Amino acid sequence: MTQPPVKRDDTDLLTTEQAAQLMGHSRPYVAMLIDANKLKGGSVSEVGHRRVPRSSVLAWIKKANKKNKAGDANYKAAALEAGMYDIPEVQVVRIIAKGKRRYQAKNCSP
């Protein structure tokens, strides 16, 4: 027998497992966020069960996505500033190929 679909709203309380699935992180990570008050409204029962409002999880996801997008826009500028593009690509390819040959020689000898 299947249960009728439950209408969800932003006030639903989620378990750490449910929140982790929404956030794309591990359950212990979500528990740590609740314990550190990084997820607003998170609570811990007397026996240690954590719950967090869906709205807090959605707000965290939105904030994390904004942070990632801002970082994505600046990664190349930061890499240039750090000198990561100072070596020509042809030279990088040669270095990688040389490393592969060394690795194969070390690990494939009988």
PDB file of N, CA and C in Angstrom:
ATOM      1  N   MET A   1       0.844  -1.172   0.000  1.00  0.00           N
ATOM      2  CA  MET A   1       0.000   0.000   0.000  1.00  0.00           C
ATOM      3  C   MET A   1       0.891   1.238   0.000  1.00  0.00           C
ATOM      4  N   THR A   2       0.679   2.119  -0.945  1.00  0.00           N
ATOM      5  CA  THR A   2       1.490   3.326  -1.029  1.00  0.00           C
ATOM      6  C   THR A   2       0.816   4.464  -0.290  1.00  0.00           C
ATOM      7  N   GLN A   3       1.647   5.327   0.235  1.00  0.00           N
ATOM      8  CA  GLN A   3       1.111   6.472   0.949  1.00  0.00           C
ATOM      9  C   GLN A   3       0.834   7.590  -0.038  1.00  0.00           C
ATOM     10  N   PRO A   4      -0.165   8.423   0.264  1.00  0.00           N
ATOM     11  CA  PRO A   4      -0.447   9.536  -0.649  1.00  0.00           C
ATOM     12  C   PRO A   4       0.718  10.512  -0.645  1.00  0.00           C
ATOM     13  N   PRO A   5       0.941  11.197  -1.776  1.00  0.00           N
ATOM     14  CA  PRO A   5       2.044  12.148  -1.823  1.00  0.00           C
ATOM     15  C   PRO A   5       1.859  13.249  -0.783  1.00  0.00           C
ATOM     16  N   VAL A   6       2.959  13.593  -0.152  1.00  0.00           N
ATOM     17  CA  VAL A   6       2.925  14.620   0.883  1.00  0.00           C
ATOM     18  C   VAL A   6       3.281  15.948   0.249  1.00  0.00           C
ATOM     19  N   LYS A   7       2.459  16.938   0.482  1.00  0.00           N
ATOM     20  CA  LYS A   7       2.762  18.269  -0.027  1.00  0.00           C
ATOM     21  C   LYS A   7       3.871  18.859   0.846  1.00  0.00           C
ATOM     22  N   ARG A   8       4.953  19.255   0.205  1.00  0.00           N
ATOM     23  CA  ARG A   8       6.100  19.776   0.937  1.00  0.00           C
ATOM     24  C   ARG A   8       6.111  21.297   0.844  1.00  0.00           C
ATOM     25  N   ASP A   9       6.463  21.902   1.952  1.00  0.00           N
ATOM     26  CA  ASP A   9       6.676  23.341   1.932  1.00  0.00           C
ATOM     27  C   ASP A   9       7.997  23.644   2.617  1.00  0.00           C
ATOM     28  N   ASP A  10       8.348  24.895   2.674  1.00  0.00           N
ATOM     29  CA  ASP A  10       9.655  25.268   3.194  1.00  0.00           C
ATOM     30  C   ASP A  10       9.787  25.108   4.699  1.00  0.00           C
ATOM     31  N   THR A  11       8.688  24.793   5.392  1.00  0.00           N
ATOM     32  CA  THR A  11       8.762  24.621   6.843  1.00  0.00           C
ATOM     33  C   THR A  11       8.951  23.170   7.242  1.00  0.00           C
ATOM     34  N   ASP A  12       8.979  22.260   6.283  1.00  0.00           N
ATOM     35  CA  ASP A  12       9.226  20.843   6.586  1.00  0.00           C
ATOM     36  C   ASP A  12      10.557  20.700   7.306  1.00  0.00           C
ATOM     37  N   LEU A  13      10.591  19.821   8.285  1.00  0.00           N
ATOM     38  CA  LEU A  13      11.850  19.496   8.938  1.00  0.00           C
ATOM     39  C   LEU A  13      12.441  18.267   8.259  1.00  0.00           C
ATOM     40  N   LEU A  14      13.716  18.353   7.922  1.00  0.00           N
ATOM     41  CA  LEU A  14      14.398  17.267   7.241  1.00  0.00           C
ATOM     42  C   LEU A  14      15.380  16.589   8.172  1.00  0.00           C
ATOM     43  N   THR A  15      15.599  15.314   7.940  1.00  0.00           N
ATOM     44  CA  THR A  15      16.657  14.603   8.648  1.00  0.00           C
ATOM     45  C   THR A  15      17.989  14.998   8.010  1.00  0.00           C
ATOM     46  N   THR A  16      19.070  14.637   8.651  1.00  0.00           N
ATOM     47  CA  THR A  16      20.377  14.946   8.073  1.00  0.00           C
ATOM     48  C   THR A  16      20.562  14.199   6.746  1.00  0.00           C
ATOM     49  N   GLU A  17      20.022  13.006   6.649  1.00  0.00           N
ATOM     50  CA  GLU A  17      20.120  12.237   5.411  1.00  0.00           C
ATOM     51  C   GLU A  17      19.365  12.933   4.280  1.00  0.00           C
ATOM     52  N   GLN A  18      18.159  13.393   4.548  1.00  0.00           N
ATOM     53  CA  GLN A  18      17.371  14.086   3.525  1.00  0.00           C
ATOM     54  C   GLN A  18      18.048  15.392   3.105  1.00  0.00           C
ATOM     55  N   ALA A  19      18.547  16.134   4.075  1.00  0.00           N
ATOM     56  CA  ALA A  19      19.244  17.385   3.775  1.00  0.00           C
ATOM     57  C   ALA A  19      20.509  17.112   2.961  1.00  0.00           C
ATOM     58  N   ALA A  20      21.236  16.069   3.323  1.00  0.00           N
ATOM     59  CA  ALA A  20      22.467  15.721   2.610  1.00  0.00           C
ATOM     60  C   ALA A  20      22.180  15.395   1.154  1.00  0.00           C
ATOM     61  N   GLN A  21      21.097  14.674   0.903  1.00  0.00           N
ATOM     62  CA  GLN A  21      20.732  14.335  -0.469  1.00  0.00           C
ATOM     63  C   GLN A  21      20.420  15.593  -1.269  1.00  0.00           C
ATOM     64  N   LEU A  22      19.686  16.528  -0.668  1.00  0.00           N
ATOM     65  CA  LEU A  22      19.363  17.780  -1.359  1.00  0.00           C
ATOM     66  C   LEU A  22      20.622  18.600  -1.643  1.00  0.00           C
ATOM     67  N   MET A  23      21.520  18.627  -0.677  1.00  0.00           N
ATOM     68  CA  MET A  23      22.708  19.469  -0.773  1.00  0.00           C
ATOM     69  C   MET A  23      23.827  18.834  -1.591  1.00  0.00           C
ATOM     70  N   GLY A  24      23.767  17.530  -1.765  1.00  0.00           N
ATOM     71  CA  GLY A  24      24.829  16.843  -2.482  1.00  0.00           C
ATOM     72  C   GLY A  24      26.072  16.659  -1.627  1.00  0.00           C
ATOM     73  N   HIS A  25      25.881  16.535  -0.318  1.00  0.00           N
ATOM     74  CA  HIS A  25      26.982  16.339   0.618  1.00  0.00           C
ATOM     75  C   HIS A  25      26.689  15.132   1.497  1.00  0.00           C
ATOM     76  N   SER A  26      27.617  14.823   2.374  1.00  0.00           N
ATOM     77  CA  SER A  26      27.437  13.668   3.250  1.00  0.00           C
ATOM     78  C   SER A  26      26.577  14.025   4.463  1.00  0.00           C
ATOM     79  N   ARG A  27      26.012  12.994   5.067  1.00  0.00           N
ATOM     80  CA  ARG A  27      25.211  13.185   6.273  1.00  0.00           C
ATOM     81  C   ARG A  27      26.037  13.772   7.413  1.00  0.00           C
ATOM     82  N   PRO A  28      27.277  13.276   7.648  1.00  0.00           N
ATOM     83  CA  PRO A  28      28.080  13.883   8.713  1.00  0.00           C
ATOM     84  C   PRO A  28      28.389  15.369   8.464  1.00  0.00           C
ATOM     85  N   TYR A  29      28.559  15.749   7.203  1.00  0.00           N
ATOM     86  CA  TYR A  29      28.807  17.158   6.882  1.00  0.00           C
ATOM     87  C   TYR A  29      27.606  18.006   7.276  1.00  0.00           C
ATOM     88  N   VAL A  30      26.407  17.518   6.976  1.00  0.00           N
ATOM     89  CA  VAL A  30      25.182  18.249   7.345  1.00  0.00           C
ATOM     90  C   VAL A  30      25.073  18.332   8.868  1.00  0.00           C
ATOM     91  N   ALA A  31      25.385  17.250   9.556  1.00  0.00           N
ATOM     92  CA  ALA A  31      25.341  17.267  11.021  1.00  0.00           C
ATOM     93  C   ALA A  31      26.309  18.309  11.565  1.00  0.00           C
ATOM     94  N   MET A  32      27.490  18.401  10.960  1.00  0.00           N
ATOM     95  CA  MET A  32      28.462  19.397  11.379  1.00  0.00           C
ATOM     96  C   MET A  32      27.936  20.815  11.144  1.00  0.00           C
ATOM     97  N   LEU A  33      27.264  21.030  10.009  1.00  0.00           N
ATOM     98  CA  LEU A  33      26.690  22.345   9.730  1.00  0.00           C
ATOM     99  C   LEU A  33      25.616  22.710  10.755  1.00  0.00           C
ATOM    100  N   ILE A  34      24.810  21.742  11.132  1.00  0.00           N
ATOM    101  CA  ILE A  34      23.771  21.989  12.139  1.00  0.00           C
ATOM    102  C   ILE A  34      24.425  22.318  13.481  1.00  0.00           C
ATOM    103  N   ASP A  35      25.416  21.524  13.882  1.00  0.00           N
ATOM    104  CA  ASP A  35      26.095  21.742  15.161  1.00  0.00           C
ATOM    105  C   ASP A  35      26.808  23.092  15.207  1.00  0.00           C
ATOM    106  N   ALA A  36      27.280  23.572  14.045  1.00  0.00           N
ATOM    107  CA  ALA A  36      27.995  24.845  13.973  1.00  0.00           C
ATOM    108  C   ALA A  36      27.045  26.019  13.705  1.00  0.00           C
ATOM    109  N   ASN A  37      25.741  25.751  13.739  1.00  0.00           N
ATOM    110  CA  ASN A  37      24.707  26.777  13.479  1.00  0.00           C
ATOM    111  C   ASN A  37      24.847  27.424  12.106  1.00  0.00           C
ATOM    112  N   LYS A  38      25.321  26.671  11.128  1.00  0.00           N
ATOM    113  CA  LYS A  38      25.427  27.170   9.755  1.00  0.00           C
ATOM    114  C   LYS A  38      24.115  26.965   8.998  1.00  0.00           C
ATOM    115  N   LEU A  39      23.245  26.101   9.518  1.00  0.00           N
ATOM    116  CA  LEU A  39      21.909  25.902   8.957  1.00  0.00           C
ATOM    117  C   LEU A  39      20.916  26.421   9.986  1.00  0.00           C
ATOM    118  N   LYS A  40      20.294  27.533   9.678  1.00  0.00           N
ATOM    119  CA  LYS A  40      19.394  28.195  10.631  1.00  0.00           C
ATOM    120  C   LYS A  40      18.210  27.298  10.990  1.00  0.00           C
ATOM    121  N   GLY A  41      17.890  27.271  12.253  1.00  0.00           N
ATOM    122  CA  GLY A  41      16.732  26.515  12.713  1.00  0.00           C
ATOM    123  C   GLY A  41      17.001  25.045  12.956  1.00  0.00           C
ATOM    124  N   GLY A  42      18.242  24.628  12.790  1.00  0.00           N
ATOM    125  CA  GLY A  42      18.579  23.235  13.043  1.00  0.00           C
ATOM    126  C   GLY A  42      18.421  22.911  14.519  1.00  0.00           C
ATOM    127  N   SER A  43      17.997  21.693  14.786  1.00  0.00           N
ATOM    128  CA  SER A  43      17.798  21.300  16.185  1.00  0.00           C
ATOM    129  C   SER A  43      18.294  19.876  16.406  1.00  0.00           C
ATOM    130  N   VAL A  44      18.595  19.595  17.663  1.00  0.00           N
ATOM    131  CA  VAL A  44      19.042  18.260  18.058  1.00  0.00           C
ATOM    132  C   VAL A  44      18.133  17.792  19.186  1.00  0.00           C
ATOM    133  N   SER A  45      17.536  16.619  19.020  1.00  0.00           N
ATOM    134  CA  SER A  45      16.651  16.076  20.045  1.00  0.00           C
ATOM    135  C   SER A  45      17.466  15.581  21.239  1.00  0.00           C
ATOM    136  N   GLU A  46      16.770  15.195  22.294  1.00  0.00           N
ATOM    137  CA  GLU A  46      17.445  14.692  23.490  1.00  0.00           C
ATOM    138  C   GLU A  46      18.271  13.444  23.204  1.00  0.00           C
ATOM    139  N   VAL A  47      17.844  12.661  22.224  1.00  0.00           N
ATOM    140  CA  VAL A  47      18.570  11.435  21.896  1.00  0.00           C
ATOM    141  C   VAL A  47      19.556  11.636  20.739  1.00  0.00           C
ATOM    142  N   GLY A  48      19.729  12.889  20.289  1.00  0.00           N
ATOM    143  CA  GLY A  48      20.747  13.196  19.298  1.00  0.00           C
ATOM    144  C   GLY A  48      20.302  13.240  17.849  1.00  0.00           C
ATOM    145  N   HIS A  49      19.006  13.139  17.590  1.00  0.00           N
ATOM    146  CA  HIS A  49      18.517  13.209  16.210  1.00  0.00           C
ATOM    147  C   HIS A  49      18.456  14.672  15.774  1.00  0.00           C
ATOM    148  N   ARG A  50      19.093  14.958  14.655  1.00  0.00           N
ATOM    149  CA  ARG A  50      19.119  16.331  14.144  1.00  0.00           C
ATOM    150  C   ARG A  50      18.041  16.520  13.086  1.00  0.00           C
ATOM    151  N   ARG A  51      17.462  17.702  13.093  1.00  0.00           N
ATOM    152  CA  ARG A  51      16.469  18.094  12.088  1.00  0.00           C
ATOM    153  C   ARG A  51      16.789  19.522  11.680  1.00  0.00           C
ATOM    154  N   VAL A  52      16.474  19.833  10.436  1.00  0.00           N
ATOM    155  CA  VAL A  52      16.723  21.181   9.923  1.00  0.00           C
ATOM    156  C   VAL A  52      15.582  21.559   8.979  1.00  0.00           C
ATOM    157  N   PRO A  53      15.113  22.811   9.030  1.00  0.00           N
ATOM    158  CA  PRO A  53      14.035  23.221   8.122  1.00  0.00           C
ATOM    159  C   PRO A  53      14.494  23.166   6.655  1.00  0.00           C
ATOM    160  N   ARG A  54      13.602  22.732   5.811  1.00  0.00           N
ATOM    161  CA  ARG A  54      13.878  22.681   4.370  1.00  0.00           C
ATOM    162  C   ARG A  54      14.307  24.062   3.865  1.00  0.00           C
ATOM    163  N   SER A  55      13.687  25.122   4.399  1.00  0.00           N
ATOM    164  CA  SER A  55      14.010  26.478   3.948  1.00  0.00           C
ATOM    165  C   SER A  55      15.478  26.811   4.220  1.00  0.00           C
ATOM    166  N   SER A  56      16.019  26.339   5.330  1.00  0.00           N
ATOM    167  CA  SER A  56      17.429  26.585   5.643  1.00  0.00           C
ATOM    168  C   SER A  56      18.342  25.856   4.662  1.00  0.00           C
ATOM    169  N   VAL A  57      17.962  24.645   4.327  1.00  0.00           N
ATOM    170  CA  VAL A  57      18.752  23.864   3.375  1.00  0.00           C
ATOM    171  C   VAL A  57      18.729  24.538   2.005  1.00  0.00           C
ATOM    172  N   LEU A  58      17.546  24.974   1.578  1.00  0.00           N
ATOM    173  CA  LEU A  58      17.429  25.638   0.276  1.00  0.00           C
ATOM    174  C   LEU A  58      18.218  26.949   0.261  1.00  0.00           C
ATOM    175  N   ALA A  59      18.197  27.691   1.369  1.00  0.00           N
ATOM    176  CA  ALA A  59      18.961  28.941   1.461  1.00  0.00           C
ATOM    177  C   ALA A  59      20.462  28.641   1.388  1.00  0.00           C
ATOM    178  N   TRP A  60      20.912  27.572   2.052  1.00  0.00           N
ATOM    179  CA  TRP A  60      22.322  27.198   2.023  1.00  0.00           C
ATOM    180  C   TRP A  60      22.742  26.840   0.599  1.00  0.00           C
ATOM    181  N   ILE A  61      21.894  26.085  -0.092  1.00  0.00           N
ATOM    182  CA  ILE A  61      22.188  25.685  -1.470  1.00  0.00           C
ATOM    183  C   ILE A  61      22.303  26.921  -2.358  1.00  0.00           C
ATOM    184  N   LYS A  62      21.367  27.846  -2.205  1.00  0.00           N
ATOM    185  CA  LYS A  62      21.373  29.064  -3.015  1.00  0.00           C
ATOM    186  C   LYS A  62      22.646  29.874  -2.766  1.00  0.00           C
ATOM    187  N   LYS A  63      23.025  30.002  -1.504  1.00  0.00           N
ATOM    188  CA  LYS A  63      24.230  30.746  -1.142  1.00  0.00           C
ATOM    189  C   LYS A  63      25.473  30.055  -1.708  1.00  0.00           C
ATOM    190  N   ALA A  64      25.529  28.738  -1.600  1.00  0.00           N
ATOM    191  CA  ALA A  64      26.674  27.978  -2.102  1.00  0.00           C
ATOM    192  C   ALA A  64      26.777  28.108  -3.622  1.00  0.00           C
ATOM    193  N   ASN A  65      25.641  28.086  -4.319  1.00  0.00           N
ATOM    194  CA  ASN A  65      25.651  28.223  -5.776  1.00  0.00           C
ATOM    195  C   ASN A  65      26.137  29.597  -6.200  1.00  0.00           C
ATOM    196  N   LYS A  66      25.733  30.634  -5.479  1.00  0.00           N
ATOM    197  CA  LYS A  66      26.196  31.990  -5.791  1.00  0.00           C
ATOM    198  C   LYS A  66      27.704  32.087  -5.606  1.00  0.00           C
ATOM    199  N   LYS A  67      28.199  31.500  -4.521  1.00  0.00           N
ATOM    200  CA  LYS A  67      29.623  31.534  -4.220  1.00  0.00           C
ATOM    201  C   LYS A  67      30.408  30.814  -5.324  1.00  0.00           C
ATOM    202  N   ASN A  68      29.893  29.670  -5.767  1.00  0.00           N
ATOM    203  CA  ASN A  68      30.575  28.899  -6.806  1.00  0.00           C
ATOM    204  C   ASN A  68      30.601  29.658  -8.125  1.00  0.00           C
ATOM    205  N   LYS A  69      29.490  30.309  -8.478  1.00  0.00           N
ATOM    206  CA  LYS A  69      29.437  31.054  -9.737  1.00  0.00           C
ATOM    207  C   LYS A  69      30.409  32.226  -9.711  1.00  0.00           C
ATOM    208  N   ALA A  70      30.488  32.905  -8.582  1.00  0.00           N
ATOM    209  CA  ALA A  70      31.421  34.027  -8.467  1.00  0.00           C
ATOM    210  C   ALA A  70      32.854  33.536  -8.586  1.00  0.00           C
ATOM    211  N   GLY A  71      33.145  32.403  -7.983  1.00  0.00           N
ATOM    212  CA  GLY A  71      34.485  31.828  -8.070  1.00  0.00           C
ATOM    213  C   GLY A  71      34.829  31.377  -9.472  1.00  0.00           C
ATOM    214  N   ASP A  72      33.851  30.818 -10.183  1.00  0.00           N
ATOM    215  CA  ASP A  72      34.077  30.360 -11.549  1.00  0.00           C
ATOM    216  C   ASP A  72      34.457  31.512 -12.464  1.00  0.00           C
ATOM    217  N   ALA A  73      33.852  32.672 -12.259  1.00  0.00           N
ATOM    218  CA  ALA A  73      34.106  33.817 -13.115  1.00  0.00           C
ATOM    219  C   ALA A  73      35.522  34.348 -12.934  1.00  0.00           C
ATOM    220  N   ASN A  74      36.085  34.150 -11.752  1.00  0.00           N
ATOM    221  CA  ASN A  74      37.388  34.741 -11.454  1.00  0.00           C
ATOM    222  C   ASN A  74      38.544  33.747 -11.469  1.00  0.00           C
ATOM    223  N   TYR A  75      38.271  32.491 -11.767  1.00  0.00           N
ATOM    224  CA  TYR A  75      39.341  31.496 -11.642  1.00  0.00           C
ATOM    225  C   TYR A  75      40.481  31.753 -12.624  1.00  0.00           C
ATOM    226  N   LYS A  76      40.160  32.151 -13.855  1.00  0.00           N
ATOM    227  CA  LYS A  76      41.220  32.352 -14.832  1.00  0.00           C
ATOM    228  C   LYS A  76      42.065  33.573 -14.478  1.00  0.00           C
ATOM    229  N   ALA A  77      41.414  34.637 -14.018  1.00  0.00           N
ATOM    230  CA  ALA A  77      42.156  35.829 -13.601  1.00  0.00           C
ATOM    231  C   ALA A  77      43.079  35.498 -12.433  1.00  0.00           C
ATOM    232  N   ALA A  78      42.578  34.708 -11.489  1.00  0.00           N
ATOM    233  CA  ALA A  78      43.405  34.319 -10.341  1.00  0.00           C
ATOM    234  C   ALA A  78      44.561  33.437 -10.790  1.00  0.00           C
ATOM    235  N   ALA A  79      44.310  32.539 -11.738  1.00  0.00           N
ATOM    236  CA  ALA A  79      45.366  31.667 -12.245  1.00  0.00           C
ATOM    237  C   ALA A  79      46.441  32.479 -12.975  1.00  0.00           C
ATOM    238  N   LEU A  80      46.012  33.459 -13.764  1.00  0.00           N
ATOM    239  CA  LEU A  80      46.967  34.323 -14.450  1.00  0.00           C
ATOM    240  C   LEU A  80      47.831  35.072 -13.447  1.00  0.00           C
ATOM    241  N   GLU A  81      47.187  35.613 -12.423  1.00  0.00           N
ATOM    242  CA  GLU A  81      47.895  36.372 -11.394  1.00  0.00           C
ATOM    243  C   GLU A  81      48.901  35.494 -10.645  1.00  0.00           C
ATOM    244  N   ALA A  82      48.548  34.238 -10.457  1.00  0.00           N
ATOM    245  CA  ALA A  82      49.424  33.310  -9.740  1.00  0.00           C
ATOM    246  C   ALA A  82      50.532  32.760 -10.626  1.00  0.00           C
ATOM    247  N   GLY A  83      50.501  33.095 -11.921  1.00  0.00           N
ATOM    248  CA  GLY A  83      51.546  32.646 -12.832  1.00  0.00           C
ATOM    249  C   GLY A  83      51.329  31.257 -13.388  1.00  0.00           C
ATOM    250  N   MET A  84      50.106  30.762 -13.315  1.00  0.00           N
ATOM    251  CA  MET A  84      49.848  29.393 -13.765  1.00  0.00           C
ATOM    252  C   MET A  84      49.902  29.246 -15.287  1.00  0.00           C
ATOM    253  N   TYR A  85      49.836  30.362 -16.014  1.00  0.00           N
ATOM    254  CA  TYR A  85      49.878  30.294 -17.472  1.00  0.00           C
ATOM    255  C   TYR A  85      51.228  30.750 -18.023  1.00  0.00           C
ATOM    256  N   ASP A  86      52.247  30.821 -17.162  1.00  0.00           N
ATOM    257  CA  ASP A  86      53.571  31.267 -17.591  1.00  0.00           C
ATOM    258  C   ASP A  86      54.290  30.216 -18.433  1.00  0.00           C
ATOM    259  N   ILE A  87      53.972  28.953 -18.242  1.00  0.00           N
ATOM    260  CA  ILE A  87      54.617  27.876 -18.991  1.00  0.00           C
ATOM    261  C   ILE A  87      53.781  27.600 -20.242  1.00  0.00           C
ATOM    262  N   PRO A  88      54.397  27.614 -21.416  1.00  0.00           N
ATOM    263  CA  PRO A  88      53.651  27.335 -22.644  1.00  0.00           C
ATOM    264  C   PRO A  88      53.054  25.921 -22.615  1.00  0.00           C
ATOM    265  N   GLU A  89      51.911  25.775 -23.243  1.00  0.00           N
ATOM    266  CA  GLU A  89      51.196  24.502 -23.231  1.00  0.00           C
ATOM    267  C   GLU A  89      52.047  23.364 -23.792  1.00  0.00           C
ATOM    268  N   VAL A  90      52.805  23.635 -24.839  1.00  0.00           N
ATOM    269  CA  VAL A  90      53.652  22.602 -25.449  1.00  0.00           C
ATOM    270  C   VAL A  90      54.626  22.044 -24.417  1.00  0.00           C
ATOM    271  N   GLN A  91      55.184  22.917 -23.595  1.00  0.00           N
ATOM    272  CA  GLN A  91      56.137  22.475 -22.574  1.00  0.00           C
ATOM    273  C   GLN A  91      55.442  21.630 -21.507  1.00  0.00           C
ATOM    274  N   VAL A  92      54.232  22.014 -21.123  1.00  0.00           N
ATOM    275  CA  VAL A  92      53.470  21.252 -20.131  1.00  0.00           C
ATOM    276  C   VAL A  92      53.186  19.848 -20.655  1.00  0.00           C
ATOM    277  N   VAL A  93      52.795  19.746 -21.917  1.00  0.00           N
ATOM    278  CA  VAL A  93      52.503  18.446 -22.522  1.00  0.00           C
ATOM    279  C   VAL A  93      53.752  17.564 -22.503  1.00  0.00           C
ATOM    280  N   ARG A  94      54.909  18.144 -22.812  1.00  0.00           N
ATOM    281  CA  ARG A  94      56.164  17.370 -22.792  1.00  0.00           C
ATOM    282  C   ARG A  94      56.489  16.879 -21.376  1.00  0.00           C
ATOM    283  N   ILE A  95      56.302  17.753 -20.396  1.00  0.00           N
ATOM    284  CA  ILE A  95      56.588  17.374 -19.009  1.00  0.00           C
ATOM    285  C   ILE A  95      55.684  16.217 -18.580  1.00  0.00           C
ATOM    286  N   ILE A  96      54.408  16.302 -18.928  1.00  0.00           N
ATOM    287  CA  ILE A  96      53.459  15.242 -18.573  1.00  0.00           C
ATOM    288  C   ILE A  96      53.839  13.933 -19.258  1.00  0.00           C
ATOM    289  N   ALA A  97      54.167  14.006 -20.536  1.00  0.00           N
ATOM    290  CA  ALA A  97      54.546  12.794 -21.279  1.00  0.00           C
ATOM    291  C   ALA A  97      55.802  12.165 -20.683  1.00  0.00           C
ATOM    292  N   LYS A  98      56.778  12.994 -20.322  1.00  0.00           N
ATOM    293  CA  LYS A  98      58.016  12.489 -19.722  1.00  0.00           C
ATOM    294  C   LYS A  98      57.717  11.798 -18.392  1.00  0.00           C
ATOM    295  N   GLY A  99      56.838  12.382 -17.592  1.00  0.00           N
ATOM    296  CA  GLY A  99      56.449  11.784 -16.324  1.00  0.00           C
ATOM    297  C   GLY A  99      55.757  10.450 -16.514  1.00  0.00           C
ATOM    298  N   LYS A 100      54.917  10.347 -17.532  1.00  0.00           N
ATOM    299  CA  LYS A 100      54.224   9.082 -17.809  1.00  0.00           C
ATOM    300  C   LYS A 100      55.218   7.996 -18.196  1.00  0.00           C
ATOM    301  N   ARG A 101      56.197   8.380 -19.022  1.00  0.00           N
ATOM    302  CA  ARG A 101      57.196   7.383 -19.441  1.00  0.00           C
ATOM    303  C   ARG A 101      57.991   6.884 -18.236  1.00  0.00           C
ATOM    304  N   ARG A 102      58.359   7.791 -17.332  1.00  0.00           N
ATOM    305  CA  ARG A 102      59.084   7.385 -16.128  1.00  0.00           C
ATOM    306  C   ARG A 102      58.243   6.459 -15.265  1.00  0.00           C
ATOM    307  N   TYR A 103      56.972   6.822 -15.096  1.00  0.00           N
ATOM    308  CA  TYR A 103      56.073   6.015 -14.274  1.00  0.00           C
ATOM    309  C   TYR A 103      55.929   4.616 -14.860  1.00  0.00           C
ATOM    310  N   GLN A 104      55.738   4.544 -16.178  1.00  0.00           N
ATOM    311  CA  GLN A 104      55.581   3.248 -16.824  1.00  0.00           C
ATOM    312  C   GLN A 104      56.857   2.419 -16.716  1.00  0.00           C
ATOM    313  N   ALA A 105      58.000   3.059 -16.858  1.00  0.00           N
ATOM    314  CA  ALA A 105      59.266   2.333 -16.753  1.00  0.00           C
ATOM    315  C   ALA A 105      59.480   1.777 -15.360  1.00  0.00           C
ATOM    316  N   LYS A 106      59.112   2.544 -14.333  1.00  0.00           N
ATOM    317  CA  LYS A 106      59.270   2.110 -12.946  1.00  0.00           C
ATOM    318  C   LYS A 106      58.314   0.973 -12.588  1.00  0.00           C
ATOM    319  N   ASN A 107      57.079   1.080 -13.030  1.00  0.00           N
ATOM    320  CA  ASN A 107      56.029   0.180 -12.565  1.00  0.00           C
ATOM    321  C   ASN A 107      55.724  -0.971 -13.505  1.00  0.00           C
ATOM    322  N   CYS A 108      56.336  -1.014 -14.660  1.00  0.00           N
ATOM    323  CA  CYS A 108      56.036  -2.100 -15.601  1.00  0.00           C
ATOM    324  C   CYS A 108      57.193  -3.047 -15.802  1.00  0.00           C
ATOM    325  N   SER A 109      58.282  -2.867 -15.053  1.00  0.00           N
ATOM    326  CA  SER A 109      59.420  -3.762 -15.228  1.00  0.00           C
ATOM    327  C   SER A 109      59.139  -5.105 -14.551  1.00  0.00           C
ATOM    328  N   PRO A 110      59.577  -6.212 -15.201  1.00  0.00           N
ATOM    329  CA  PRO A 110      59.280  -7.547 -14.638  1.00  0.00           C
ATOM    330  C   PRO A 110      60.071  -7.887 -13.424  1.00  0.00           C
TER     331      PRO A 110
END
